[in-house]
Amino acid sequence: MALSSMNIFEDCFAISLEIG
C-alpha cells in the first residue's frame, strides 16, 4: 500500500486516530 516510510507512518497515524 504505502511505498515510502513517511507514507507508512502517516497511514499508521491516521488509523490510530480512527481507532482512538
PDB file of N, CA and C in Angstrom:
ATOM      1  N   MET A   1       0.854  -1.195   0.000  1.00  0.00           N
ATOM      2  CA  MET A   1       0.000   0.000   0.000  1.00  0.00           C
ATOM      3  C   MET A   1       0.893   1.250   0.000  1.00  0.00           C
ATOM      4  N   ALA A   2       1.539   1.493   1.128  1.00  0.00           N
ATOM      5  CA  ALA A   2       2.447   2.643   1.200  1.00  0.00           C
ATOM      6  C   ALA A   2       3.845   2.217   0.785  1.00  0.00           C
ATOM      7  N   LEU A   3       4.467   3.013  -0.061  1.00  0.00           N
ATOM      8  CA  LEU A   3       5.794   2.638  -0.562  1.00  0.00           C
ATOM      9  C   LEU A   3       6.897   3.279   0.274  1.00  0.00           C
ATOM     10  N   SER A   4       6.725   4.530   0.681  1.00  0.00           N
ATOM     11  CA  SER A   4       7.769   5.213   1.439  1.00  0.00           C
ATOM     12  C   SER A   4       7.509   5.114   2.937  1.00  0.00           C
ATOM     13  N   SER A   5       8.565   5.183   3.734  1.00  0.00           N
ATOM     14  CA  SER A   5       8.433   5.085   5.192  1.00  0.00           C
ATOM     15  C   SER A   5       7.503   6.179   5.705  1.00  0.00           C
ATOM     16  N   MET A   6       7.665   7.389   5.156  1.00  0.00           N
ATOM     17  CA  MET A   6       6.829   8.507   5.581  1.00  0.00           C
ATOM     18  C   MET A   6       5.366   8.166   5.365  1.00  0.00           C
ATOM     19  N   ASN A   7       5.056   7.581   4.200  1.00  0.00           N
ATOM     20  CA  ASN A   7       3.677   7.241   3.887  1.00  0.00           C
ATOM     21  C   ASN A   7       3.149   6.220   4.886  1.00  0.00           C
ATOM     22  N   ILE A   8       3.959   5.211   5.199  1.00  0.00           N
ATOM     23  CA  ILE A   8       3.524   4.178   6.139  1.00  0.00           C
ATOM     24  C   ILE A   8       3.268   4.800   7.511  1.00  0.00           C
ATOM     25  N   PHE A   9       4.157   5.702   7.932  1.00  0.00           N
ATOM     26  CA  PHE A   9       3.998   6.354   9.234  1.00  0.00           C
ATOM     27  C   PHE A   9       2.700   7.145   9.277  1.00  0.00           C
ATOM     28  N   GLU A  10       2.434   7.893   8.201  1.00  0.00           N
ATOM     29  CA  GLU A  10       1.205   8.690   8.165  1.00  0.00           C
ATOM     30  C   GLU A  10      -0.022   7.789   8.175  1.00  0.00           C
ATOM     31  N   ASP A  11       0.060   6.671   7.448  1.00  0.00           N
ATOM     32  CA  ASP A  11      -1.075   5.739   7.406  1.00  0.00           C
ATOM     33  C   ASP A  11      -1.348   5.201   8.803  1.00  0.00           C
ATOM     34  N   CYS A  12      -0.302   4.767   9.502  1.00  0.00           N
ATOM     35  CA  CYS A  12      -0.477   4.221  10.852  1.00  0.00           C
ATOM     36  C   CYS A  12      -1.068   5.293  11.767  1.00  0.00           C
ATOM     37  N   PHE A  13      -0.580   6.530  11.619  1.00  0.00           N
ATOM     38  CA  PHE A  13      -1.071   7.613  12.466  1.00  0.00           C
ATOM     39  C   PHE A  13      -2.557   7.857  12.223  1.00  0.00           C
ATOM     40  N   ALA A  14      -2.942   7.886  10.947  1.00  0.00           N
ATOM     41  CA  ALA A  14      -4.348   8.115  10.599  1.00  0.00           C
ATOM     42  C   ALA A  14      -5.210   6.981  11.143  1.00  0.00           C
ATOM     43  N   ILE A  15      -4.740   5.744  11.007  1.00  0.00           N
ATOM     44  CA  ILE A  15      -5.500   4.593  11.508  1.00  0.00           C
ATOM     45  C   ILE A  15      -5.638   4.689  13.029  1.00  0.00           C
ATOM     46  N   SER A  16      -4.563   5.105  13.700  1.00  0.00           N
ATOM     47  CA  SER A  16      -4.612   5.222  15.162  1.00  0.00           C
ATOM     48  C   SER A  16      -5.680   6.231  15.575  1.00  0.00           C
ATOM     49  N   LEU A  17      -5.748   7.345  14.846  1.00  0.00           N
ATOM     50  CA  LEU A  17      -6.750   8.360  15.174  1.00  0.00           C
ATOM     51  C   LEU A  17      -8.151   7.805  14.970  1.00  0.00           C
ATOM     52  N   GLU A  18      -8.341   7.041  13.894  1.00  0.00           N
ATOM     53  CA  GLU A  18      -9.667   6.476  13.623  1.00  0.00           C
ATOM     54  C   GLU A  18     -10.054   5.489  14.716  1.00  0.00           C
ATOM     55  N   ILE A  19      -9.106   4.654  15.150  1.00  0.00           N
ATOM     56  CA  ILE A  19      -9.408   3.650  16.180  1.00  0.00           C
ATOM     57  C   ILE A  19      -9.599   4.349  17.528  1.00  0.00           C
ATOM     58  N   GLY A  20      -8.719   5.309  17.820  1.00  0.00           N
ATOM     59  CA  GLY A  20      -8.761   6.002  19.103  1.00  0.00           C
ATOM     60  C   GLY A  20     -10.019   6.835  19.203  1.00  0.00           C
TER      61      GLY A  20
END
